[in-house]
Amino acid sequence: MTLIKSISGIRGTIGGIVNENLTPINAVKFAAAYGMWLKESSGSKSLTIVLGRDARISGEMISNLVANTLIGLGINVIDIGLSTTPTVEIAVTLDSADGGIIITASHNPKQWNALKLLNNRGEFLNAEAGEKILKIAEDENFLFAEVDALGKYEKKEDYINRHIEEVLKLAVVDIEAIKKSNFKVVVDAVNSTGGIAIPALLEKLGVECIKLYCDPTGHFPHNPEPLKEHLTDISEWVVTEKADFGIVVDPDVDRLAIICEDGSMFGEEYTLVACADYVLGKTKGDTVSNLSSSRALRDVTIKHGGKYEASAVGEVNVVELMKATNAVIGGEGNGGIIYPASHYGRDSLVGVALFLSHLASLKISCKTLRKTYPEYFMSKSKIELTPRIDVDAILRKIAEKFIKEKPNCIDGVKIDFEEQWIHLRKSNTEPIIRIYTESISQEKADKLAQEFITIITDLL
């Protein structure tokens, strides 16, 4: 059982001991800290926060605790109920709210839940804001409103439809071409809110939808992280149903994976690559992903005459660099699509619409599309260390050892070689070095990782 406090929010397992798990007391304390920070930073006397949740079993309980805590602070709450992370982000801007909270633990198993925090632009908070909220929570520096100044509560349950309307308004979404293609797809929404949002979007686009695990009960039928080893059911269904492809989303619908018509994985890393390929063909510009994402995005960007840049890992870092470079599309290699023409947040609904438009315009199969992109293979591993070891010192030594390769040190150490790369990052919560590699074959990616494990072991 675990409670993890970080600048990006609070997450943990439900039940157990206060301050060791995500208990009702911890939910109230952290919601109050966010509310106090918002009151102090905005200077406004009247604040409104949008609140939404995924379909987790604990979601309604946590949502009620959070809503009433904010009301107790004198903050108005717009509760949009069962929702998605990108829907809440869009709702903040459409309702001109001062912030937002999403009750979701993303791809974590059902015993987990979390509070994701947004600013008045519907974007995740930066590190400075996160640190301030953690300090307020630690000091329990709360001031609640008197009875005549309590906040007001309002429910709005139409926001998923409004989100879909916003997606359909995007100029690059080719609704007519999609409808003419008569696509048939299978959707695995892991029994969360993607089971509401994705089929509704597909219906508007004239796509036949075969639902698999689309009942938003919060009882996840498999590990909710959309990785190959968890997706055997949909892979079989796509083949059995003779579908054009399959769509997989995580519980809060900000990660998108695609299954090809033969049941094989399109590849989470390549979801962003395909969407970027389509967007760059319509809008000239640059792209951004994080240091641990595939080199394939760089290759596609260069093909379209654009420039690619890599940020530190984390959505807020990707967004910051996208704004600085005026990137037309970006995201993360875990299937997170960020399309600024819509909003600065990972959005699987936008990703689905872009992917469908791409396939419809090319008039080719999903498998054929995948073959048009550079073939890269990734390896992910880690080294567990003792708490006494100075991880930063080890990473500095690695950077010095490979100084001729001009290592990137904005987030750990990334070293680019001609045909491959390695990214070494320390964990923020435990004495671990995470090792990500990519090469032109799985064997070479695994070999590169092992070589650096040996180097690090020798340094120790």
Protein backbone atom coordinates (compact mmCIF):
# COMPACT_ATOMS: atom_id res chain seq x y z
CA MET A 1 0.00 0.00 0.00
CA THR A 2 1.47 3.32 -1.05
CA LEU A 3 1.04 7.09 -0.99
CA ILE A 4 3.17 9.13 -3.39
CA LYS A 5 3.29 12.92 -3.09
CA SER A 6 4.94 14.80 -5.93
CA ILE A 7 4.80 18.14 -7.72
CA SER A 8 2.37 16.60 -10.24
CA GLY A 9 -0.20 15.63 -7.60
CA ILE A 10 -0.92 12.92 -5.06
CA ARG A 11 -1.61 9.27 -5.80
CA GLY A 12 -1.88 6.15 -3.76
CA THR A 13 -3.79 3.02 -2.89
CA ILE A 14 -7.21 3.26 -1.30
CA GLY A 15 -7.66 2.30 2.36
CA GLY A 16 -5.23 1.71 5.18
CA ILE A 17 -3.29 4.11 7.37
CA VAL A 18 -3.39 7.91 7.06
CA ASN A 19 -0.30 9.36 5.31
CA GLU A 20 0.72 5.90 4.12
CA ASN A 21 -2.20 5.44 1.72
CA LEU A 22 -4.73 7.56 -0.14
CA THR A 23 -7.26 7.79 2.70
CA PRO A 24 -10.20 10.22 2.90
CA ILE A 25 -8.11 12.42 5.21
CA ASN A 26 -5.28 12.61 2.67
CA ALA A 27 -7.72 13.42 -0.15
CA VAL A 28 -9.25 16.24 1.90
CA LYS A 29 -5.86 17.62 2.95
CA PHE A 30 -4.48 17.72 -0.58
CA ALA A 31 -7.67 19.17 -2.08
CA ALA A 32 -7.57 21.87 0.59
CA ALA A 33 -3.92 22.62 -0.17
CA TYR A 34 -4.73 23.03 -3.88
CA GLY A 35 -7.69 25.26 -3.05
CA MET A 36 -5.59 27.43 -0.73
CA TRP A 37 -2.86 27.75 -3.37
CA LEU A 38 -5.43 28.77 -5.96
CA LYS A 39 -6.90 31.43 -3.65
CA GLU A 40 -3.46 32.82 -2.83
CA SER A 41 -2.09 32.79 -6.39
CA SER A 42 -5.18 34.13 -8.17
CA GLY A 43 -6.10 36.91 -5.76
CA SER A 44 -9.74 36.44 -6.80
CA LYS A 45 -12.54 36.37 -4.25
CA SER A 46 -14.75 34.14 -6.39
CA LEU A 47 -13.17 30.95 -7.74
CA THR A 48 -14.57 28.05 -9.74
CA ILE A 49 -12.98 24.62 -10.22
CA VAL A 50 -14.03 21.91 -12.70
CA LEU A 51 -14.05 18.42 -11.21
CA GLY A 52 -14.20 15.15 -13.15
CA ARG A 53 -13.29 11.50 -12.63
CA ASP A 54 -12.65 8.24 -14.40
CA ALA A 55 -14.73 5.15 -13.60
CA ARG A 56 -12.64 3.77 -10.74
CA ILE A 57 -14.58 2.14 -7.91
CA SER A 58 -13.23 4.72 -5.44
CA GLY A 59 -13.83 7.64 -7.79
CA GLU A 60 -17.21 8.78 -6.50
CA MET A 61 -16.03 8.69 -2.88
CA ILE A 62 -12.88 10.71 -3.59
CA SER A 63 -14.78 13.12 -5.83
CA ASN A 64 -17.35 13.84 -3.12
CA LEU A 65 -14.61 14.46 -0.55
CA VAL A 66 -12.76 16.82 -2.89
CA ALA A 67 -15.91 18.71 -3.95
CA ASN A 68 -17.05 19.34 -0.39
CA THR A 69 -13.56 20.37 0.73
CA LEU A 70 -13.45 23.01 -2.01
CA ILE A 71 -16.94 24.20 -1.13
CA GLY A 72 -15.78 24.48 2.47
CA LEU A 73 -13.02 26.79 1.28
CA GLY A 74 -15.58 29.02 -0.42
CA ILE A 75 -14.75 27.75 -3.92
CA ASN A 76 -17.48 26.95 -6.48
CA VAL A 77 -17.41 23.48 -8.02
CA ILE A 78 -18.60 22.40 -11.48
CA ASP A 79 -18.81 18.61 -11.28
CA ILE A 80 -18.80 17.01 -14.74
CA GLY A 81 -18.92 13.50 -13.28
CA LEU A 82 -17.65 10.52 -15.30
CA SER A 83 -15.22 12.07 -17.70
CA THR A 84 -11.75 11.88 -19.20
CA THR A 85 -8.60 13.82 -18.39
CA PRO A 86 -8.67 15.77 -21.69
CA THR A 87 -12.41 16.46 -21.24
CA VAL A 88 -11.75 18.15 -17.89
CA GLU A 89 -8.89 20.13 -19.45
CA ILE A 90 -11.20 21.41 -22.18
CA ALA A 91 -14.02 22.08 -19.70
CA VAL A 92 -11.77 24.40 -17.67
CA THR A 93 -11.31 26.68 -20.68
CA LEU A 94 -14.87 26.40 -22.02
CA ASP A 95 -16.30 27.33 -18.60
CA SER A 96 -13.59 29.97 -17.94
CA ALA A 97 -12.82 28.21 -14.65
CA ASP A 98 -9.87 28.99 -12.39
CA GLY A 99 -8.60 25.40 -12.28
CA GLY A 100 -9.50 21.76 -12.49
CA ILE A 101 -9.06 18.45 -10.70
CA ILE A 102 -9.24 15.03 -12.33
CA ILE A 103 -9.78 12.07 -10.00
CA THR A 104 -7.81 9.34 -11.75
CA ALA A 105 -4.73 7.19 -11.33
CA SER A 106 -4.29 6.94 -15.09
CA HIS A 107 -2.91 3.50 -16.05
CA ASN A 108 -2.46 2.24 -12.46
CA PRO A 109 -4.53 -0.78 -11.27
CA LYS A 110 -7.98 -0.34 -9.71
CA GLN A 111 -6.79 -0.10 -6.08
CA TRP A 112 -5.06 3.18 -6.96
CA ASN A 113 -6.50 6.65 -7.30
CA ALA A 114 -5.09 10.15 -7.55
CA LEU A 115 -5.73 13.87 -7.85
CA LYS A 116 -4.39 15.50 -11.03
CA LEU A 117 -4.31 19.29 -10.79
CA LEU A 118 -4.84 21.89 -13.54
CA ASN A 119 -4.36 25.64 -13.86
CA ASN A 120 -6.82 28.11 -15.41
CA ARG A 121 -5.64 27.12 -18.92
CA GLY A 122 -6.60 23.50 -18.33
CA GLU A 123 -2.93 22.49 -18.22
CA PHE A 124 -0.97 20.60 -15.58
CA LEU A 125 0.76 22.70 -12.94
CA ASN A 126 4.46 23.47 -13.18
CA ALA A 127 7.04 22.39 -10.60
CA GLU A 128 6.94 25.69 -8.69
CA ALA A 129 3.17 25.49 -8.14
CA GLY A 130 3.41 21.83 -7.19
CA GLU A 131 6.05 22.55 -4.55
CA LYS A 132 3.91 25.28 -3.02
CA ILE A 133 0.89 22.97 -2.77
CA LEU A 134 2.98 20.26 -1.13
CA LYS A 135 4.22 22.81 1.42
CA ILE A 136 0.68 24.02 2.22
CA ALA A 137 -0.43 20.41 2.70
CA GLU A 138 2.53 19.64 4.93
CA ASP A 139 1.96 22.73 7.11
CA GLU A 140 -1.84 22.19 7.09
CA ASN A 141 -2.14 25.90 6.52
CA PHE A 142 -5.87 25.96 5.72
CA LEU A 143 -8.48 28.67 6.23
CA PHE A 144 -12.05 27.53 5.61
CA ALA A 145 -14.97 29.80 4.75
CA GLU A 146 -17.68 30.88 7.15
CA VAL A 147 -21.21 29.65 6.56
CA ASP A 148 -22.40 32.55 4.39
CA ALA A 149 -19.32 32.31 2.17
CA LEU A 150 -19.42 28.60 1.28
CA GLY A 151 -18.91 27.69 -2.37
CA LYS A 152 -21.70 26.54 -4.67
CA TYR A 153 -22.01 23.13 -6.31
CA GLU A 154 -23.24 22.51 -9.86
CA LYS A 155 -23.40 19.37 -11.99
CA LYS A 156 -22.87 19.44 -15.76
CA GLU A 157 -23.04 16.05 -17.45
CA ASP A 158 -22.81 16.99 -21.14
CA TYR A 159 -19.08 17.67 -21.35
CA ILE A 160 -18.02 14.49 -23.13
CA ASN A 161 -20.39 15.45 -25.96
CA ARG A 162 -19.05 19.01 -25.91
CA HIS A 163 -15.52 17.61 -26.08
CA ILE A 164 -16.48 15.53 -29.11
CA GLU A 165 -17.95 18.64 -30.76
CA GLU A 166 -14.65 20.45 -30.23
CA VAL A 167 -12.75 17.56 -31.86
CA LEU A 168 -15.08 17.55 -34.88
CA LYS A 169 -14.51 21.30 -35.34
CA LEU A 170 -10.77 20.79 -35.96
CA ALA A 171 -9.91 21.77 -39.53
CA VAL A 172 -7.66 18.75 -40.13
CA VAL A 173 -10.28 16.19 -39.11
CA ASP A 174 -11.68 14.93 -42.42
CA ILE A 175 -15.16 13.83 -41.37
CA GLU A 176 -16.43 13.12 -44.89
CA ALA A 177 -13.40 10.99 -45.83
CA ILE A 178 -13.77 8.98 -42.62
CA LYS A 179 -17.47 8.37 -43.23
CA LYS A 180 -16.82 7.25 -46.83
CA SER A 181 -14.20 4.73 -45.63
CA ASN A 182 -16.78 2.63 -43.75
CA PHE A 183 -14.30 1.72 -41.06
CA LYS A 184 -15.03 -1.03 -38.56
CA VAL A 185 -13.05 -0.94 -35.30
CA VAL A 186 -12.92 -2.73 -31.96
CA VAL A 187 -12.59 -0.55 -28.84
CA ASP A 188 -11.08 -1.70 -25.52
CA ALA A 189 -11.71 1.00 -22.90
CA VAL A 190 -10.81 -1.18 -19.89
CA ASN A 191 -14.30 -0.56 -18.41
CA SER A 192 -13.62 3.12 -17.76
CA THR A 193 -14.81 6.39 -19.26
CA GLY A 194 -13.23 5.77 -22.64
CA GLY A 195 -16.12 3.34 -23.06
CA ILE A 196 -18.42 6.37 -23.09
CA ALA A 197 -16.28 8.82 -25.06
CA ILE A 198 -14.64 6.79 -27.83
CA PRO A 199 -17.78 4.98 -29.14
CA ALA A 200 -19.69 8.28 -29.07
CA LEU A 201 -16.96 9.94 -31.15
CA LEU A 202 -16.88 7.02 -33.60
CA GLU A 203 -20.65 7.18 -34.04
CA LYS A 204 -20.38 10.86 -35.04
CA LEU A 205 -17.72 9.88 -37.58
CA GLY A 206 -19.78 7.07 -39.09
CA VAL A 207 -17.43 4.34 -37.84
CA GLU A 208 -18.84 0.93 -36.88
CA CYS A 209 -17.77 0.27 -33.29
CA ILE A 210 -17.45 -3.17 -31.69
CA LYS A 211 -17.31 -2.58 -27.92
CA LEU A 212 -14.96 -4.62 -25.74
CA TYR A 213 -14.79 -3.70 -22.04
CA CYS A 214 -16.66 -0.43 -22.57
CA ASP A 215 -18.97 -0.62 -19.52
CA PRO A 216 -17.69 2.09 -17.10
CA THR A 217 -17.84 -0.01 -13.92
CA GLY A 218 -14.25 0.54 -12.82
CA HIS A 219 -13.66 -3.22 -12.70
CA PHE A 220 -10.65 -3.42 -15.02
CA PRO A 221 -10.67 -6.78 -16.89
CA HIS A 222 -6.90 -6.64 -17.38
CA ASN A 223 -3.94 -4.50 -16.37
CA PRO A 224 -5.04 -1.04 -17.59
CA GLU A 225 -1.68 0.03 -18.99
CA PRO A 226 -2.07 -0.34 -22.78
CA LEU A 227 0.94 -2.59 -23.39
CA LYS A 228 1.15 -5.60 -25.72
CA GLU A 229 1.14 -8.20 -22.92
CA HIS A 230 -2.17 -6.83 -21.57
CA LEU A 231 -4.03 -6.68 -24.89
CA THR A 232 -4.44 -10.28 -26.02
CA ASP A 233 -8.26 -10.11 -25.94
CA ILE A 234 -8.63 -7.16 -28.30
CA SER A 235 -5.92 -8.55 -30.59
CA GLU A 236 -8.05 -11.68 -31.02
CA TRP A 237 -11.29 -9.71 -31.39
CA VAL A 238 -9.89 -7.50 -34.17
CA VAL A 239 -9.07 -10.61 -36.20
CA THR A 240 -12.31 -12.46 -35.37
CA GLU A 241 -14.49 -9.43 -36.19
CA LYS A 242 -12.47 -8.72 -39.36
CA ALA A 243 -12.08 -5.15 -38.16
CA ASP A 244 -9.91 -2.54 -39.84
CA PHE A 245 -8.05 -1.98 -36.57
CA GLY A 246 -8.48 -1.77 -32.81
CA ILE A 247 -8.42 1.20 -30.43
CA VAL A 248 -7.15 0.92 -26.85
CA VAL A 249 -7.25 3.70 -24.26
CA ASP A 250 -6.21 3.82 -20.61
CA PRO A 251 -8.73 4.59 -17.81
CA ASP A 252 -8.50 8.40 -18.13
CA VAL A 253 -8.22 8.37 -21.95
CA ASP A 254 -4.99 10.32 -22.45
CA ARG A 255 -3.03 7.37 -23.90
CA LEU A 256 -3.91 5.77 -27.22
CA ALA A 257 -2.71 2.45 -28.65
CA ILE A 258 -3.67 0.94 -32.00
CA ILE A 259 -4.02 -2.73 -32.97
CA CYS A 260 -3.49 -3.61 -36.66
CA GLU A 261 -5.99 -5.69 -38.62
CA ASP A 262 -3.91 -8.86 -38.12
CA GLY A 263 -3.93 -8.44 -34.32
CA SER A 264 -0.39 -7.08 -34.12
CA MET A 265 0.51 -3.93 -32.23
CA PHE A 266 0.86 -0.74 -34.29
CA GLY A 267 3.14 0.33 -31.45
CA GLU A 268 2.41 2.93 -28.75
CA GLU A 269 5.44 4.94 -29.86
CA TYR A 270 4.05 5.07 -33.39
CA THR A 271 0.60 6.45 -32.50
CA LEU A 272 2.15 9.91 -32.18
CA VAL A 273 4.32 9.32 -35.25
CA ALA A 274 1.30 8.53 -37.45
CA CYS A 275 -0.75 11.47 -36.16
CA ALA A 276 2.22 13.81 -36.62
CA ASP A 277 2.76 12.50 -40.15
CA TYR A 278 -0.82 13.42 -41.01
CA VAL A 279 -0.77 16.85 -39.32
CA LEU A 280 2.60 17.81 -40.83
CA GLY A 281 1.23 16.92 -44.25
CA LYS A 282 -1.50 19.52 -43.69
CA THR A 283 0.37 22.11 -41.59
CA LYS A 284 4.08 22.79 -41.94
CA GLY A 285 5.85 23.11 -38.61
CA ASP A 286 7.92 21.52 -35.87
CA THR A 287 7.38 18.75 -33.33
CA VAL A 288 8.34 17.89 -29.74
CA SER A 289 8.40 14.69 -27.69
CA ASN A 290 10.35 13.70 -24.60
CA LEU A 291 13.87 12.27 -24.44
CA SER A 292 12.60 8.70 -23.95
CA SER A 293 10.37 8.73 -27.04
CA SER A 294 11.16 7.10 -30.37
CA ARG A 295 13.52 8.62 -32.92
CA ALA A 296 10.82 7.88 -35.52
CA LEU A 297 9.09 11.20 -34.76
CA ARG A 298 12.29 13.05 -35.58
CA ASP A 299 12.58 11.16 -38.88
CA VAL A 300 9.00 11.93 -39.93
CA THR A 301 9.38 15.59 -38.94
CA ILE A 302 12.53 15.97 -41.04
CA LYS A 303 10.76 14.26 -43.96
CA HIS A 304 8.15 17.05 -43.86
CA GLY A 305 10.80 19.77 -43.63
CA GLY A 306 10.28 20.51 -39.95
CA LYS A 307 12.52 20.55 -36.88
CA TYR A 308 12.26 18.12 -33.99
CA GLU A 309 13.23 18.84 -30.38
CA ALA A 310 13.17 16.70 -27.23
CA SER A 311 12.12 17.80 -23.74
CA ALA A 312 12.62 16.37 -20.29
CA VAL A 313 10.22 13.53 -19.46
CA GLY A 314 6.80 14.64 -18.25
CA GLU A 315 3.80 16.18 -19.99
CA VAL A 316 4.33 19.63 -18.47
CA ASN A 317 7.89 19.67 -19.88
CA VAL A 318 6.70 18.62 -23.34
CA VAL A 319 4.06 21.36 -23.32
CA GLU A 320 6.55 23.99 -22.18
CA LEU A 321 8.92 23.17 -25.06
CA MET A 322 6.05 22.95 -27.56
CA LYS A 323 5.03 26.49 -26.63
CA ALA A 324 8.62 27.75 -26.82
CA THR A 325 9.12 26.26 -30.31
CA ASN A 326 5.56 26.84 -31.54
CA ALA A 327 5.33 23.12 -32.38
CA VAL A 328 2.25 22.10 -34.38
CA ILE A 329 2.02 18.68 -32.72
CA GLY A 330 3.85 16.80 -30.02
CA GLY A 331 3.40 14.39 -27.16
CA GLU A 332 4.93 11.38 -25.51
CA GLY A 333 5.85 7.94 -26.80
CA ASN A 334 3.35 6.26 -24.48
CA GLY A 335 0.56 7.10 -26.94
CA GLY A 336 -0.03 10.64 -25.70
CA ILE A 337 -1.03 13.03 -28.51
CA ILE A 338 -0.84 16.79 -27.85
CA TYR A 339 -2.36 18.90 -30.62
CA PRO A 340 -2.25 22.64 -29.74
CA ALA A 341 -4.96 23.55 -32.27
CA SER A 342 -7.25 21.74 -29.81
CA HIS A 343 -5.53 22.21 -26.44
CA TYR A 344 -2.21 21.58 -24.67
CA GLY A 345 -2.97 18.18 -23.18
CA ARG A 346 -2.67 14.54 -24.17
CA ASP A 347 -5.98 13.64 -25.81
CA SER A 348 -6.96 10.23 -27.16
CA LEU A 349 -10.15 11.59 -28.75
CA VAL A 350 -8.07 13.98 -30.85
CA GLY A 351 -5.64 11.15 -31.57
CA VAL A 352 -8.42 8.84 -32.81
CA ALA A 353 -9.81 11.55 -35.12
CA LEU A 354 -6.35 12.31 -36.55
CA PHE A 355 -5.50 8.64 -37.04
CA LEU A 356 -8.81 7.94 -38.80
CA SER A 357 -8.31 10.98 -41.04
CA HIS A 358 -4.82 9.75 -41.93
CA LEU A 359 -5.97 6.24 -42.86
CA ALA A 360 -8.95 7.60 -44.79
CA SER A 361 -6.79 9.99 -46.81
CA LEU A 362 -4.23 7.34 -47.73
CA LYS A 363 -6.78 4.59 -48.40
CA ILE A 364 -4.44 1.91 -47.05
CA SER A 365 -4.63 -0.62 -44.22
CA CYS A 366 -3.36 -0.03 -40.72
CA LYS A 367 -0.59 -2.62 -41.18
CA THR A 368 0.51 -1.03 -44.47
CA LEU A 369 0.66 2.39 -42.81
CA ARG A 370 2.87 1.01 -40.05
CA LYS A 371 5.33 -0.33 -42.62
CA THR A 372 5.82 3.18 -44.06
CA TYR A 373 7.62 4.32 -40.88
CA PRO A 374 11.22 3.68 -39.81
CA GLU A 375 11.56 0.46 -37.84
CA TYR A 376 12.98 1.03 -34.37
CA PHE A 377 12.99 -1.24 -31.33
CA MET A 378 13.08 -0.21 -27.68
CA SER A 379 14.34 -1.78 -24.49
CA LYS A 380 13.39 -0.66 -20.97
CA SER A 381 15.24 -1.84 -17.88
CA LYS A 382 16.58 -0.54 -14.56
CA ILE A 383 19.35 -0.89 -12.01
CA GLU A 384 18.39 -0.97 -8.34
CA LEU A 385 20.90 0.73 -6.05
CA THR A 386 21.33 1.18 -2.32
CA PRO A 387 20.06 4.48 -0.82
CA ARG A 388 23.64 5.51 0.02
CA ILE A 389 24.75 5.62 -3.61
CA ASP A 390 24.92 9.07 -5.24
CA VAL A 391 22.93 8.48 -8.44
CA ASP A 392 23.61 11.99 -9.75
CA ALA A 393 27.36 11.43 -9.44
CA ILE A 394 27.11 8.22 -11.46
CA LEU A 395 25.17 9.95 -14.23
CA ARG A 396 27.74 12.76 -14.32
CA LYS A 397 30.52 10.19 -14.78
CA ILE A 398 28.59 8.57 -17.65
CA ALA A 399 28.20 11.98 -19.32
CA GLU A 400 31.93 12.69 -18.93
CA LYS A 401 32.86 9.26 -20.30
CA PHE A 402 30.83 9.89 -23.48
CA ILE A 403 31.51 13.62 -23.80
CA LYS A 404 32.43 13.24 -27.48
CA GLU A 405 28.85 12.12 -28.21
CA LYS A 406 27.55 15.44 -26.83
CA PRO A 407 25.20 13.92 -24.22
CA ASN A 408 21.94 15.67 -23.38
CA CYS A 409 21.77 16.23 -19.61
CA ILE A 410 18.48 18.13 -19.16
CA ASP A 411 16.87 15.01 -17.67
CA GLY A 412 19.39 12.40 -16.59
CA VAL A 413 21.73 11.56 -19.46
CA LYS A 414 20.77 10.78 -23.06
CA ILE A 415 23.45 9.70 -25.52
CA ASP A 416 22.69 9.62 -29.24
CA PHE A 417 24.73 7.26 -31.38
CA GLU A 418 24.42 6.93 -35.15
CA GLU A 419 21.93 4.04 -35.18
CA GLN A 420 20.72 4.05 -31.59
CA TRP A 421 20.40 5.95 -28.32
CA ILE A 422 20.33 5.38 -24.58
CA HIS A 423 18.59 7.45 -21.91
CA LEU A 424 19.49 7.05 -18.22
CA ARG A 425 17.22 8.65 -15.60
CA LYS A 426 17.08 8.41 -11.85
CA SER A 427 13.78 7.66 -10.14
CA ASN A 428 12.27 10.45 -8.06
CA THR A 429 10.94 8.04 -5.46
CA GLU A 430 13.53 5.24 -5.07
CA PRO A 431 17.25 4.53 -5.63
CA ILE A 432 16.90 3.31 -9.21
CA ILE A 433 18.45 4.24 -12.55
CA ARG A 434 15.96 3.68 -15.36
CA ILE A 435 17.49 2.64 -18.66
CA TYR A 436 15.78 3.26 -22.01
CA THR A 437 17.40 2.27 -25.30
CA GLU A 438 16.33 2.30 -28.93
CA SER A 439 18.05 0.71 -31.92
CA ILE A 440 17.42 -0.77 -35.37
CA SER A 441 16.80 -4.26 -33.91
CA GLN A 442 15.55 -5.60 -30.59
CA GLU A 443 18.80 -7.52 -30.16
CA LYS A 444 20.86 -4.34 -30.52
CA ALA A 445 18.58 -2.35 -28.18
CA ASP A 446 18.89 -5.05 -25.51
CA LYS A 447 22.66 -5.28 -26.04
CA LEU A 448 23.11 -1.51 -25.65
CA ALA A 449 21.20 -1.60 -22.37
CA GLN A 450 23.34 -4.45 -21.08
CA GLU A 451 26.55 -2.66 -22.05
CA PHE A 452 25.57 0.36 -19.96
CA ILE A 453 24.47 -1.79 -17.05
CA THR A 454 28.01 -3.18 -17.07
CA ILE A 455 29.51 0.32 -17.28
CA ILE A 456 27.43 1.52 -14.33
CA THR A 457 28.28 -1.60 -12.32
CA ASP A 458 31.99 -0.98 -12.92
CA LEU A 459 31.61 2.65 -11.77
CA LEU A 460 30.04 1.44 -8.54
